[in-house]
Amino acid sequence: MTTKAYGETLKLALLVVAVALIPLLIWYLFDLILVIFGAIILAMLLRLGAQPFMRWLSMPEWLALLVSGLLVLFVIGGTGYLFGTRLTGEFQDVLQRATSASTEIQSTLRGSEFGNFLLQHFSGDSISVTGVLSGVLRVSTSFLEALIIMIISGIYLAAQPRLYRKGLIWLFPPPNHARAADIIDGVGEALRLWLLGQLIEMVLIGALVTFAVWLIGVPSSLALGLIAGIGEFIPYLGPILAAIPAILVALTKSPELTLWTVVAYLIIHQIEGQIIAPLVQNRMVSIPPAVMLLGIAGLTYLFGTVAIIFAAPMAVVIFAAVNLLYVRDTLHEKTQLIRKLK
C-alpha cells in the first residue's frame, strides 16, 4: 500500500470514528446543548427587539440592543411590580386548587377496582414527598447555574453574532466556506422566523385564555392565561398541558364551570388552529405537524422531560438542516420551507 493510499484510508477511518462518536457526545453533552440553545434563543429575542429601533429610528446596533435588553427587563420588571402580588397569589391558588382536585380524583379512583388499577400503574404505590422536594431543590440549583451562563452567553451572541458565525464557518474547509455560510444563515433564519411566530401565538393565546376564563368565572385568570401563553412555546403538547391546571381549578368550583372551561379551551385552540396559526405560518416557517410532534417526542424520550423545553426549536433546526443539506443540495429539490426562506 502506498503512502498516499495509506493516508486516505487513515482519514476515512478517522472520519468514521468521528461520525460514530457524535451520538455519544450529544448524549453526554446534552445539558450543554440545552444551554447553548437557550443562549441562541435569548440572543435572537434581543435582536428581534432591536430590529425596529435600527430600522425605523436608525439607532446604532449597540444602542438598539441595549434598548431592547432594557425593554425586556422593563416588561418583566413592570409586570412583576404591577401584577406580582396578584400573580403570586393566583399561582398559589391554582396550585392549591389543582392539588385539592387531584386528591379528590385519587380518592374517587380508590373506590373502584379499575381506579386502583390505574393508580397502581400510573402513579406508583407510594410517593415520597421528601424525595420530590430534594429533587426540586437539586434541579433548581442546576437550573440557576445554567440560567446565568445562558443569559451571559446570549448577551455576547446578540452583541457579536457575526464573530460567532465566522467562527462556525472556519470549522469547515476553505472550499466549503460559502456553502457552510449559506446553510448556517438558512438554519438561523428558520429558527428566527419560527421563534417570531411562536411569540405572536403566545401573546394572542395568553390574552384569549385570560379573557375567556375571566368571563366564565374561573378563579386566577391571569395566572391561567400566563400558563397558557407559556405553554404555546411547546407546539401541540404545550396547550394540552396548559389546559390541565385550568380544568382542575374549575373542578373545585362546580361541574358546570369545568364543562365551560373545557369548551372555552377547545374553542380557543380551534381558533388558533384554523385562524391564528395559518396566518402566522403563512409568513413564517411552516413545519408539518407530524414532523414537529415526532421531533418533540423523540428528543424528550431520548434525553428526558427537561428536553421538552427546547425540543421544538431543536426540531426546527434539524428540519431546516435536513432540507438545506439533503433535500436542496443533494436531491436538488425545493421544499416549502426553502421557498419561505429564499
C-alpha atoms as a PDB file:
ATOM      1  CA  MET A   1       0.000   0.000   0.000  1.00  0.00           C
ATOM      2  CA  THR A   2       1.404   3.364  -0.999  1.00  0.00           C
ATOM      3  CA  THR A   3       1.827   6.210   1.459  1.00  0.00           C
ATOM      4  CA  LYS A   4      -0.922   8.197  -0.266  1.00  0.00           C
ATOM      5  CA  ALA A   5      -3.378   5.282  -0.149  1.00  0.00           C
ATOM      6  CA  TYR A   6      -2.490   4.646   3.494  1.00  0.00           C
ATOM      7  CA  GLY A   7      -3.153   8.311   4.306  1.00  0.00           C
ATOM      8  CA  GLU A   8      -6.537   8.236   2.548  1.00  0.00           C
ATOM      9  CA  THR A   9      -7.502   5.046   4.419  1.00  0.00           C
ATOM     10  CA  LEU A  10      -6.484   6.601   7.723  1.00  0.00           C
ATOM     11  CA  LYS A  11      -8.535   9.742   7.004  1.00  0.00           C
ATOM     12  CA  LEU A  12     -11.574   7.605   6.148  1.00  0.00           C
ATOM     13  CA  ALA A  13     -11.174   5.571   9.344  1.00  0.00           C
ATOM     14  CA  LEU A  14     -10.873   8.732  11.446  1.00  0.00           C
ATOM     15  CA  LEU A  15     -13.969  10.158   9.754  1.00  0.00           C
ATOM     16  CA  VAL A  16     -15.982   7.003  10.508  1.00  0.00           C
ATOM     17  CA  VAL A  17     -14.857   7.065  14.152  1.00  0.00           C
ATOM     18  CA  ALA A  18     -15.722  10.765  14.443  1.00  0.00           C
ATOM     19  CA  VAL A  19     -19.198  10.205  12.989  1.00  0.00           C
ATOM     20  CA  ALA A  20     -19.743   7.230  15.330  1.00  0.00           C
ATOM     21  CA  LEU A  21     -18.742   9.323  18.336  1.00  0.00           C
ATOM     22  CA  ILE A  22     -21.185  12.171  17.560  1.00  0.00           C
ATOM     23  CA  PRO A  23     -24.284  10.472  19.099  1.00  0.00           C
ATOM     24  CA  LEU A  24     -22.262   9.602  22.205  1.00  0.00           C
ATOM     25  CA  LEU A  25     -21.051  13.181  22.569  1.00  0.00           C
ATOM     26  CA  ILE A  26     -24.583  14.502  22.107  1.00  0.00           C
ATOM     27  CA  TRP A  27     -25.801  12.108  24.821  1.00  0.00           C
ATOM     28  CA  TYR A  28     -23.217  13.175  27.384  1.00  0.00           C
ATOM     29  CA  LEU A  29     -23.235  16.878  26.482  1.00  0.00           C
ATOM     30  CA  PHE A  30     -26.986  17.323  26.105  1.00  0.00           C
ATOM     31  CA  ASP A  31     -27.252  19.639  29.116  1.00  0.00           C
ATOM     32  CA  LEU A  32     -24.658  21.881  27.478  1.00  0.00           C
ATOM     33  CA  ILE A  33     -26.599  21.721  24.207  1.00  0.00           C
ATOM     34  CA  LEU A  34     -29.723  22.908  26.051  1.00  0.00           C
ATOM     35  CA  VAL A  35     -27.796  25.868  27.484  1.00  0.00           C
ATOM     36  CA  ILE A  36     -26.443  26.699  24.016  1.00  0.00           C
ATOM     37  CA  PHE A  37     -29.939  26.621  22.532  1.00  0.00           C
ATOM     38  CA  GLY A  38     -31.219  28.819  25.339  1.00  0.00           C
ATOM     39  CA  ALA A  39     -28.425  31.329  24.706  1.00  0.00           C
ATOM     40  CA  ILE A  40     -29.157  31.352  20.961  1.00  0.00           C
ATOM     41  CA  ILE A  41     -32.883  31.908  21.539  1.00  0.00           C
ATOM     42  CA  LEU A  42     -32.175  34.708  24.018  1.00  0.00           C
ATOM     43  CA  ALA A  43     -29.793  36.340  21.525  1.00  0.00           C
ATOM     44  CA  MET A  44     -32.455  36.121  18.818  1.00  0.00           C
ATOM     45  CA  LEU A  45     -35.042  37.673  21.151  1.00  0.00           C
ATOM     46  CA  LEU A  46     -32.723  40.595  21.860  1.00  0.00           C
ATOM     47  CA  ARG A  47     -32.009  41.124  18.160  1.00  0.00           C
ATOM     48  CA  LEU A  48     -35.711  40.822  17.277  1.00  0.00           C
ATOM     49  CA  GLY A  49     -36.424  43.558  19.802  1.00  0.00           C
ATOM     50  CA  ALA A  50     -33.585  45.685  18.429  1.00  0.00           C
ATOM     51  CA  GLN A  51     -34.594  45.480  14.763  1.00  0.00           C
ATOM     52  CA  PRO A  52     -37.477  48.010  14.926  1.00  0.00           C
ATOM     53  CA  PHE A  53     -35.191  50.570  16.589  1.00  0.00           C
ATOM     54  CA  MET A  54     -32.484  50.080  13.951  1.00  0.00           C
ATOM     55  CA  ARG A  55     -34.930  50.086  11.040  1.00  0.00           C
ATOM     56  CA  TRP A  56     -37.342  52.853  11.996  1.00  0.00           C
ATOM     57  CA  LEU A  57     -35.262  55.062  14.290  1.00  0.00           C
ATOM     58  CA  SER A  58     -31.857  54.460  12.639  1.00  0.00           C
ATOM     59  CA  MET A  59     -30.242  53.645  16.002  1.00  0.00           C
ATOM     60  CA  PRO A  60     -26.719  52.201  16.087  1.00  0.00           C
ATOM     61  CA  GLU A  61     -26.740  48.468  16.621  1.00  0.00           C
ATOM     62  CA  TRP A  62     -25.226  48.588  20.111  1.00  0.00           C
ATOM     63  CA  LEU A  63     -27.741  51.191  21.254  1.00  0.00           C
ATOM     64  CA  ALA A  64     -30.681  49.273  19.760  1.00  0.00           C
ATOM     65  CA  LEU A  65     -29.551  46.100  21.537  1.00  0.00           C
ATOM     66  CA  LEU A  66     -29.206  47.992  24.803  1.00  0.00           C
ATOM     67  CA  VAL A  67     -32.704  49.461  24.426  1.00  0.00           C
ATOM     68  CA  SER A  68     -34.062  46.003  23.529  1.00  0.00           C
ATOM     69  CA  GLY A  69     -32.495  44.463  26.633  1.00  0.00           C
ATOM     70  CA  LEU A  70     -33.753  47.273  28.843  1.00  0.00           C
ATOM     71  CA  LEU A  71     -37.199  46.932  27.293  1.00  0.00           C
ATOM     72  CA  VAL A  72     -37.268  43.210  28.088  1.00  0.00           C
ATOM     73  CA  LEU A  73     -36.186  43.929  31.667  1.00  0.00           C
ATOM     74  CA  PHE A  74     -38.783  46.720  31.918  1.00  0.00           C
ATOM     75  CA  VAL A  75     -41.592  44.465  30.689  1.00  0.00           C
ATOM     76  CA  ILE A  76     -40.622  41.653  33.063  1.00  0.00           C
ATOM     77  CA  GLY A  77     -39.969  44.010  35.989  1.00  0.00           C
ATOM     78  CA  GLY A  78     -43.060  46.117  35.300  1.00  0.00           C
ATOM     79  CA  THR A  79     -45.264  43.056  35.063  1.00  0.00           C
ATOM     80  CA  GLY A  80     -43.779  41.715  38.270  1.00  0.00           C
ATOM     81  CA  TYR A  81     -44.291  45.048  40.045  1.00  0.00           C
ATOM     82  CA  LEU A  82     -47.843  45.664  38.838  1.00  0.00           C
ATOM     83  CA  PHE A  83     -49.159  42.123  38.980  1.00  0.00           C
ATOM     84  CA  GLY A  84     -46.545  40.319  41.076  1.00  0.00           C
ATOM     85  CA  THR A  85     -48.550  40.143  44.272  1.00  0.00           C
ATOM     86  CA  ARG A  86     -51.715  39.183  42.473  1.00  0.00           C
ATOM     87  CA  LEU A  87     -49.967  36.643  40.222  1.00  0.00           C
ATOM     88  CA  THR A  88     -48.182  35.088  43.189  1.00  0.00           C
ATOM     89  CA  GLY A  89     -51.497  34.721  44.986  1.00  0.00           C
ATOM     90  CA  GLU A  90     -53.149  33.352  41.851  1.00  0.00           C
ATOM     91  CA  PHE A  91     -50.376  30.824  41.246  1.00  0.00           C
ATOM     92  CA  GLN A  92     -50.679  29.681  44.855  1.00  0.00           C
ATOM     93  CA  ASP A  93     -54.438  29.444  44.407  1.00  0.00           C
ATOM     94  CA  VAL A  94     -54.008  27.432  41.196  1.00  0.00           C
ATOM     95  CA  LEU A  95     -51.567  25.090  42.934  1.00  0.00           C
ATOM     96  CA  GLN A  96     -53.826  24.605  45.955  1.00  0.00           C
ATOM     97  CA  ARG A  97     -56.945  24.037  43.877  1.00  0.00           C
ATOM     98  CA  ALA A  98     -55.138  21.702  41.468  1.00  0.00           C
ATOM     99  CA  THR A  99     -53.723  19.714  44.384  1.00  0.00           C
ATOM    100  CA  SER A 100     -57.156  19.539  46.014  1.00  0.00           C
ATOM    101  CA  ALA A 101     -58.790  18.400  42.777  1.00  0.00           C
ATOM    102  CA  SER A 102     -56.056  15.821  42.196  1.00  0.00           C
ATOM    103  CA  THR A 103     -56.552  14.454  45.723  1.00  0.00           C
ATOM    104  CA  GLU A 104     -60.311  14.201  45.189  1.00  0.00           C
ATOM    105  CA  ILE A 105     -59.808  12.382  41.889  1.00  0.00           C
ATOM    106  CA  GLN A 106     -57.430   9.895  43.539  1.00  0.00           C
ATOM    107  CA  SER A 107     -59.909   9.334  46.393  1.00  0.00           C
ATOM    108  CA  THR A 108     -62.667   8.657  43.879  1.00  0.00           C
ATOM    109  CA  LEU A 109     -60.487   6.244  41.910  1.00  0.00           C
ATOM    110  CA  ARG A 110     -59.585   4.307  45.064  1.00  0.00           C
ATOM    111  CA  GLY A 111     -63.271   3.469  45.466  1.00  0.00           C
ATOM    112  CA  SER A 112     -63.233   1.093  42.498  1.00  0.00           C
ATOM    113  CA  GLU A 113     -61.086  -1.798  41.297  1.00  0.00           C
ATOM    114  CA  PHE A 114     -60.448  -0.143  37.950  1.00  0.00           C
ATOM    115  CA  GLY A 115     -59.455   3.076  39.710  1.00  0.00           C
ATOM    116  CA  ASN A 116     -56.979   1.235  41.924  1.00  0.00           C
ATOM    117  CA  PHE A 117     -55.552  -0.426  38.825  1.00  0.00           C
ATOM    118  CA  LEU A 118     -54.999   2.978  37.212  1.00  0.00           C
ATOM    119  CA  LEU A 119     -53.398   4.421  40.335  1.00  0.00           C
ATOM    120  CA  GLN A 120     -51.018   1.479  40.703  1.00  0.00           C
ATOM    121  CA  HIS A 121     -49.857   1.612  37.093  1.00  0.00           C
ATOM    122  CA  PHE A 122     -49.691   5.367  36.552  1.00  0.00           C
ATOM    123  CA  SER A 123     -48.745   6.869  39.890  1.00  0.00           C
ATOM    124  CA  GLY A 124     -46.992   4.043  41.740  1.00  0.00           C
ATOM    125  CA  ASP A 125     -47.793   2.598  45.151  1.00  0.00           C
ATOM    126  CA  SER A 126     -46.312   5.477  47.122  1.00  0.00           C
ATOM    127  CA  ILE A 127     -44.855   8.927  46.596  1.00  0.00           C
ATOM    128  CA  SER A 128     -42.041  10.262  48.729  1.00  0.00           C
ATOM    129  CA  VAL A 129     -42.639  13.940  49.403  1.00  0.00           C
ATOM    130  CA  THR A 130     -39.099  14.303  50.756  1.00  0.00           C
ATOM    131  CA  GLY A 131     -37.671  12.778  47.588  1.00  0.00           C
ATOM    132  CA  VAL A 132     -39.727  15.083  45.388  1.00  0.00           C
ATOM    133  CA  LEU A 133     -38.672  18.188  47.338  1.00  0.00           C
ATOM    134  CA  SER A 134     -34.992  17.248  47.303  1.00  0.00           C
ATOM    135  CA  GLY A 135     -35.206  16.602  43.566  1.00  0.00           C
ATOM    136  CA  VAL A 136     -36.781  20.014  43.027  1.00  0.00           C
ATOM    137  CA  LEU A 137     -34.013  21.690  45.046  1.00  0.00           C
ATOM    138  CA  ARG A 138     -31.331  19.928  43.018  1.00  0.00           C
ATOM    139  CA  VAL A 139     -32.990  20.904  39.744  1.00  0.00           C
ATOM    140  CA  SER A 140     -33.427  24.488  40.942  1.00  0.00           C
ATOM    141  CA  THR A 141     -29.729  24.844  41.818  1.00  0.00           C
ATOM    142  CA  SER A 142     -28.536  23.475  38.486  1.00  0.00           C
ATOM    143  CA  PHE A 143     -31.201  25.491  36.699  1.00  0.00           C
ATOM    144  CA  LEU A 144     -29.966  28.742  38.240  1.00  0.00           C
ATOM    145  CA  GLU A 145     -26.387  27.978  37.262  1.00  0.00           C
ATOM    146  CA  ALA A 146     -27.422  27.145  33.699  1.00  0.00           C
ATOM    147  CA  LEU A 147     -29.651  30.222  33.546  1.00  0.00           C
ATOM    148  CA  ILE A 148     -26.798  32.566  34.489  1.00  0.00           C
ATOM    149  CA  ILE A 149     -24.479  31.022  31.891  1.00  0.00           C
ATOM    150  CA  MET A 150     -27.251  31.113  29.296  1.00  0.00           C
ATOM    151  CA  ILE A 151     -28.035  34.803  29.880  1.00  0.00           C
ATOM    152  CA  ILE A 152     -24.393  35.901  29.733  1.00  0.00           C
ATOM    153  CA  SER A 153     -23.737  33.787  26.625  1.00  0.00           C
ATOM    154  CA  GLY A 154     -26.919  35.059  24.981  1.00  0.00           C
ATOM    155  CA  ILE A 155     -25.850  38.679  25.517  1.00  0.00           C
ATOM    156  CA  TYR A 156     -22.446  38.002  23.936  1.00  0.00           C
ATOM    157  CA  LEU A 157     -24.091  36.219  20.988  1.00  0.00           C
ATOM    158  CA  ALA A 158     -26.526  39.084  20.459  1.00  0.00           C
ATOM    159  CA  ALA A 159     -23.738  41.684  20.626  1.00  0.00           C
ATOM    160  CA  GLN A 160     -21.383  39.974  18.146  1.00  0.00           C
ATOM    161  CA  PRO A 161     -23.319  37.466  16.004  1.00  0.00           C
ATOM    162  CA  ARG A 162     -21.008  37.882  13.012  1.00  0.00           C
ATOM    163  CA  LEU A 163     -17.968  36.896  15.079  1.00  0.00           C
ATOM    164  CA  TYR A 164     -19.500  33.578  16.151  1.00  0.00           C
ATOM    165  CA  ARG A 165     -20.952  32.971  12.666  1.00  0.00           C
ATOM    166  CA  LYS A 166     -17.458  33.407  11.223  1.00  0.00           C
ATOM    167  CA  GLY A 167     -16.072  31.024  13.848  1.00  0.00           C
ATOM    168  CA  LEU A 168     -18.562  28.331  12.794  1.00  0.00           C
ATOM    169  CA  ILE A 169     -17.671  28.820   9.135  1.00  0.00           C
ATOM    170  CA  TRP A 170     -13.951  28.417   9.917  1.00  0.00           C
ATOM    171  CA  LEU A 171     -14.665  24.907  11.227  1.00  0.00           C
ATOM    172  CA  PHE A 172     -15.155  23.821   7.609  1.00  0.00           C
ATOM    173  CA  PRO A 173     -12.505  23.517   4.863  1.00  0.00           C
ATOM    174  CA  PRO A 174     -11.926  26.785   2.906  1.00  0.00           C
ATOM    175  CA  PRO A 175     -13.537  25.476  -0.323  1.00  0.00           C
ATOM    176  CA  ASN A 176     -16.757  24.844   1.631  1.00  0.00           C
ATOM    177  CA  HIS A 177     -16.925  28.202   3.406  1.00  0.00           C
ATOM    178  CA  ALA A 178     -19.555  29.677   1.055  1.00  0.00           C
ATOM    179  CA  ARG A 179     -21.802  26.623   1.342  1.00  0.00           C
ATOM    180  CA  ALA A 180     -21.362  26.487   5.134  1.00  0.00           C
ATOM    181  CA  ALA A 181     -22.277  30.180   5.417  1.00  0.00           C
ATOM    182  CA  ASP A 182     -25.400  29.626   3.316  1.00  0.00           C
ATOM    183  CA  ILE A 183     -26.525  26.664   5.449  1.00  0.00           C
ATOM    184  CA  ILE A 184     -25.811  28.448   8.748  1.00  0.00           C
ATOM    185  CA  ASP A 185     -27.755  31.506   7.555  1.00  0.00           C
ATOM    186  CA  GLY A 186     -30.656  29.323   6.368  1.00  0.00           C
ATOM    187  CA  VAL A 187     -30.925  27.399   9.632  1.00  0.00           C
ATOM    188  CA  GLY A 188     -30.632  30.622  11.647  1.00  0.00           C
ATOM    189  CA  GLU A 189     -33.349  32.301   9.579  1.00  0.00           C
ATOM    190  CA  ALA A 190     -35.647  29.289  10.010  1.00  0.00           C
ATOM    191  CA  LEU A 191     -35.168  29.394  13.780  1.00  0.00           C
ATOM    192  CA  ARG A 192     -35.664  33.180  13.876  1.00  0.00           C
ATOM    193  CA  LEU A 193     -38.903  33.041  11.891  1.00  0.00           C
ATOM    194  CA  TRP A 194     -40.233  30.136  13.959  1.00  0.00           C
ATOM    195  CA  LEU A 195     -39.438  31.988  17.188  1.00  0.00           C
ATOM    196  CA  LEU A 196     -41.164  35.153  15.953  1.00  0.00           C
ATOM    197  CA  GLY A 197     -44.250  33.150  15.009  1.00  0.00           C
ATOM    198  CA  GLN A 198     -44.336  31.410  18.389  1.00  0.00           C
ATOM    199  CA  LEU A 199     -44.059  34.734  20.239  1.00  0.00           C
ATOM    200  CA  ILE A 200     -47.045  36.077  18.323  1.00  0.00           C
ATOM    201  CA  GLU A 201     -49.091  32.964  19.105  1.00  0.00           C
ATOM    202  CA  MET A 202     -48.041  33.008  22.783  1.00  0.00           C
ATOM    203  CA  VAL A 203     -49.251  36.591  23.255  1.00  0.00           C
ATOM    204  CA  LEU A 204     -52.537  36.046  21.402  1.00  0.00           C
ATOM    205  CA  ILE A 205     -53.413  32.745  23.101  1.00  0.00           C
ATOM    206  CA  GLY A 206     -52.406  34.048  26.543  1.00  0.00           C
ATOM    207  CA  ALA A 207     -54.684  37.065  26.103  1.00  0.00           C
ATOM    208  CA  LEU A 208     -57.587  34.955  24.784  1.00  0.00           C
ATOM    209  CA  VAL A 209     -57.352  32.436  27.630  1.00  0.00           C
ATOM    210  CA  THR A 210     -57.122  35.170  30.272  1.00  0.00           C
ATOM    211  CA  PHE A 211     -60.259  36.847  28.904  1.00  0.00           C
ATOM    212  CA  ALA A 212     -62.163  33.565  28.448  1.00  0.00           C
ATOM    213  CA  VAL A 213     -61.563  32.135  31.931  1.00  0.00           C
ATOM    214  CA  TRP A 214     -62.278  35.531  33.499  1.00  0.00           C
ATOM    215  CA  LEU A 215     -65.530  35.757  31.530  1.00  0.00           C
ATOM    216  CA  ILE A 216     -66.813  32.351  32.602  1.00  0.00           C
ATOM    217  CA  GLY A 217     -65.750  32.899  36.220  1.00  0.00           C
ATOM    218  CA  VAL A 218     -62.737  30.633  36.722  1.00  0.00           C
ATOM    219  CA  PRO A 219     -60.501  31.906  39.562  1.00  0.00           C
ATOM    220  CA  SER A 220     -56.922  33.101  38.927  1.00  0.00           C
ATOM    221  CA  SER A 221     -57.473  34.107  35.301  1.00  0.00           C
ATOM    222  CA  LEU A 222     -54.138  35.983  34.980  1.00  0.00           C
ATOM    223  CA  ALA A 223     -52.108  33.001  36.161  1.00  0.00           C
ATOM    224  CA  LEU A 224     -54.004  30.601  33.892  1.00  0.00           C
ATOM    225  CA  GLY A 225     -53.558  32.956  30.928  1.00  0.00           C
ATOM    226  CA  LEU A 226     -49.824  33.199  31.600  1.00  0.00           C
ATOM    227  CA  ILE A 227     -49.583  29.400  31.832  1.00  0.00           C
ATOM    228  CA  ALA A 228     -51.439  29.077  28.514  1.00  0.00           C
ATOM    229  CA  GLY A 229     -49.177  31.638  26.839  1.00  0.00           C
ATOM    230  CA  ILE A 230     -46.004  29.931  28.049  1.00  0.00           C
ATOM    231  CA  GLY A 231     -47.414  26.552  27.043  1.00  0.00           C
ATOM    232  CA  GLU A 232     -47.627  27.738  23.432  1.00  0.00           C
ATOM    233  CA  PHE A 233     -43.824  27.626  23.265  1.00  0.00           C
ATOM    234  CA  ILE A 234     -44.177  23.822  23.061  1.00  0.00           C
ATOM    235  CA  PRO A 235     -46.332  23.278  19.954  1.00  0.00           C
ATOM    236  CA  TYR A 236     -49.304  20.914  20.158  1.00  0.00           C
ATOM    237  CA  LEU A 237     -48.329  19.361  23.516  1.00  0.00           C
ATOM    238  CA  GLY A 238     -47.932  22.610  25.487  1.00  0.00           C
ATOM    239  CA  PRO A 239     -51.542  23.796  25.044  1.00  0.00           C
ATOM    240  CA  ILE A 240     -52.849  20.430  26.253  1.00  0.00           C
ATOM    241  CA  LEU A 241     -50.620  20.506  29.329  1.00  0.00           C
ATOM    242  CA  ALA A 242     -51.564  24.153  29.999  1.00  0.00           C
ATOM    243  CA  ALA A 243     -55.272  23.305  29.963  1.00  0.00           C
ATOM    244  CA  ILE A 244     -54.942  20.771  32.799  1.00  0.00           C
ATOM    245  CA  PRO A 245     -54.473  23.352  35.626  1.00  0.00           C
ATOM    246  CA  ALA A 246     -57.475  25.344  34.399  1.00  0.00           C
ATOM    247  CA  ILE A 247     -59.674  22.241  34.339  1.00  0.00           C
ATOM    248  CA  LEU A 248     -58.528  21.219  37.822  1.00  0.00           C
ATOM    249  CA  VAL A 249     -59.167  24.727  39.162  1.00  0.00           C
ATOM    250  CA  ALA A 250     -62.645  24.790  37.621  1.00  0.00           C
ATOM    251  CA  LEU A 251     -63.320  21.327  39.035  1.00  0.00           C
ATOM    252  CA  THR A 252     -63.014  22.712  42.574  1.00  0.00           C
ATOM    253  CA  LYS A 253     -65.877  25.136  41.852  1.00  0.00           C
ATOM    254  CA  SER A 254     -68.528  23.122  40.016  1.00  0.00           C
ATOM    255  CA  PRO A 255     -69.012  20.529  37.232  1.00  0.00           C
ATOM    256  CA  GLU A 256     -70.774  23.170  35.105  1.00  0.00           C
ATOM    257  CA  LEU A 257     -67.797  25.522  35.320  1.00  0.00           C
ATOM    258  CA  THR A 258     -65.494  22.639  34.423  1.00  0.00           C
ATOM    259  CA  LEU A 259     -67.546  21.921  31.316  1.00  0.00           C
ATOM    260  CA  TRP A 260     -67.492  25.584  30.278  1.00  0.00           C
ATOM    261  CA  THR A 261     -63.723  25.678  30.834  1.00  0.00           C
ATOM    262  CA  VAL A 262     -63.205  22.657  28.577  1.00  0.00           C
ATOM    263  CA  VAL A 263     -65.441  24.230  25.919  1.00  0.00           C
ATOM    264  CA  ALA A 264     -63.575  27.559  26.156  1.00  0.00           C
ATOM    265  CA  TYR A 265     -60.171  25.905  25.700  1.00  0.00           C
ATOM    266  CA  LEU A 266     -61.454  23.834  22.775  1.00  0.00           C
ATOM    267  CA  ILE A 267     -62.859  26.933  21.056  1.00  0.00           C
ATOM    268  CA  ILE A 268     -59.657  28.933  21.644  1.00  0.00           C
ATOM    269  CA  HIS A 269     -57.464  26.222  20.214  1.00  0.00           C
ATOM    270  CA  GLN A 270     -59.793  25.768  17.264  1.00  0.00           C
ATOM    271  CA  ILE A 271     -59.364  29.497  16.618  1.00  0.00           C
ATOM    272  CA  GLU A 272     -55.621  29.021  16.933  1.00  0.00           C
ATOM    273  CA  GLY A 273     -55.520  26.024  14.587  1.00  0.00           C
ATOM    274  CA  GLN A 274     -57.888  27.432  11.972  1.00  0.00           C
ATOM    275  CA  ILE A 275     -57.096  31.157  12.006  1.00  0.00           C
ATOM    276  CA  ILE A 276     -54.070  32.272  14.050  1.00  0.00           C
ATOM    277  CA  ALA A 277     -51.568  29.516  13.166  1.00  0.00           C
ATOM    278  CA  PRO A 278     -52.240  29.548   9.385  1.00  0.00           C
ATOM    279  CA  LEU A 279     -51.939  33.350   9.254  1.00  0.00           C
ATOM    280  CA  VAL A 280     -48.688  33.277  11.234  1.00  0.00           C
ATOM    281  CA  GLN A 281     -47.174  30.317   9.371  1.00  0.00           C
ATOM    282  CA  ASN A 282     -48.042  31.878   6.028  1.00  0.00           C
ATOM    283  CA  ARG A 283     -45.363  34.496   6.741  1.00  0.00           C
ATOM    284  CA  MET A 284     -43.088  32.360   8.897  1.00  0.00           C
ATOM    285  CA  VAL A 285     -41.691  28.828   8.652  1.00  0.00           C
ATOM    286  CA  SER A 286     -44.235  26.059   8.195  1.00  0.00           C
ATOM    287  CA  ILE A 287     -43.262  22.645   9.564  1.00  0.00           C
ATOM    288  CA  PRO A 288     -45.585  19.629   9.125  1.00  0.00           C
ATOM    289  CA  PRO A 289     -47.347  18.866  12.437  1.00  0.00           C
ATOM    290  CA  ALA A 290     -46.328  15.198  12.438  1.00  0.00           C
ATOM    291  CA  VAL A 291     -42.659  16.142  11.987  1.00  0.00           C
ATOM    292  CA  MET A 292     -42.834  18.596  14.900  1.00  0.00           C
ATOM    293  CA  LEU A 293     -44.678  16.150  17.187  1.00  0.00           C
ATOM    294  CA  LEU A 294     -42.344  13.258  16.398  1.00  0.00           C
ATOM    295  CA  GLY A 295     -39.331  15.512  16.866  1.00  0.00           C
ATOM    296  CA  ILE A 296     -40.540  16.673  20.297  1.00  0.00           C
ATOM    297  CA  ALA A 297     -41.468  13.117  21.338  1.00  0.00           C
ATOM    298  CA  GLY A 298     -38.174  11.674  20.112  1.00  0.00           C
ATOM    299  CA  LEU A 299     -35.964  14.262  21.809  1.00  0.00           C
ATOM    300  CA  THR A 300     -37.967  14.023  25.038  1.00  0.00           C
ATOM    301  CA  TYR A 301     -37.776  10.226  25.018  1.00  0.00           C
ATOM    302  CA  LEU A 302     -34.011  10.235  24.393  1.00  0.00           C
ATOM    303  CA  PHE A 303     -32.967  12.962  26.819  1.00  0.00           C
ATOM    304  CA  GLY A 304     -35.738  13.160  29.437  1.00  0.00           C
ATOM    305  CA  THR A 305     -38.551  15.575  30.228  1.00  0.00           C
ATOM    306  CA  VAL A 306     -36.180  18.541  30.582  1.00  0.00           C
ATOM    307  CA  ALA A 307     -35.556  18.319  26.823  1.00  0.00           C
ATOM    308  CA  ILE A 308     -39.178  19.285  26.120  1.00  0.00           C
ATOM    309  CA  ILE A 309     -38.309  22.935  26.872  1.00  0.00           C
ATOM    310  CA  PHE A 310     -36.194  23.318  23.744  1.00  0.00           C
ATOM    311  CA  ALA A 311     -37.353  20.248  21.808  1.00  0.00           C
ATOM    312  CA  ALA A 312     -39.409  22.353  19.381  1.00  0.00           C
ATOM    313  CA  PRO A 313     -36.598  24.747  18.333  1.00  0.00           C
ATOM    314  CA  MET A 314     -34.242  21.765  18.079  1.00  0.00           C
ATOM    315  CA  ALA A 315     -36.739  20.067  15.769  1.00  0.00           C
ATOM    316  CA  VAL A 316     -36.856  23.264  13.684  1.00  0.00           C
ATOM    317  CA  VAL A 317     -33.054  23.316  13.391  1.00  0.00           C
ATOM    318  CA  ILE A 318     -32.893  19.613  12.444  1.00  0.00           C
ATOM    319  CA  PHE A 319     -35.728  20.002   9.920  1.00  0.00           C
ATOM    320  CA  ALA A 320     -34.131  23.064   8.320  1.00  0.00           C
ATOM    321  CA  ALA A 321     -30.693  21.404   8.216  1.00  0.00           C
ATOM    322  CA  VAL A 322     -32.096  18.287   6.530  1.00  0.00           C
ATOM    323  CA  ASN A 323     -33.887  20.463   3.969  1.00  0.00           C
ATOM    324  CA  LEU A 324     -30.801  22.528   3.222  1.00  0.00           C
ATOM    325  CA  LEU A 325     -28.162  19.779   3.328  1.00  0.00           C
ATOM    326  CA  TYR A 326     -30.055  16.847   1.831  1.00  0.00           C
ATOM    327  CA  VAL A 327     -33.249  17.919   0.057  1.00  0.00           C
ATOM    328  CA  ARG A 328     -31.788  21.019  -1.585  1.00  0.00           C
ATOM    329  CA  ASP A 329     -28.081  20.304  -2.024  1.00  0.00           C
ATOM    330  CA  THR A 330     -28.208  16.516  -2.581  1.00  0.00           C
ATOM    331  CA  LEU A 331     -31.589  15.906  -4.203  1.00  0.00           C
ATOM    332  CA  HIS A 332     -31.731  19.368  -5.806  1.00  0.00           C
ATOM    333  CA  GLU A 333     -35.367  19.792  -4.769  1.00  0.00           C
ATOM    334  CA  LYS A 334     -37.080  22.878  -3.393  1.00  0.00           C
ATOM    335  CA  THR A 335     -39.344  22.434  -0.405  1.00  0.00           C
ATOM    336  CA  GLN A 336     -41.932  24.745   1.111  1.00  0.00           C
ATOM    337  CA  LEU A 337     -39.519  25.681   3.882  1.00  0.00           C
ATOM    338  CA  ILE A 338     -36.780  26.642   1.428  1.00  0.00           C
ATOM    339  CA  ARG A 339     -39.144  28.769  -0.634  1.00  0.00           C
ATOM    340  CA  LYS A 340     -40.148  30.634   2.511  1.00  0.00           C
ATOM    341  CA  LEU A 341     -36.520  31.224   3.461  1.00  0.00           C
ATOM    342  CA  LYS A 342     -35.379  32.145  -0.019  1.00  0.00           C
END
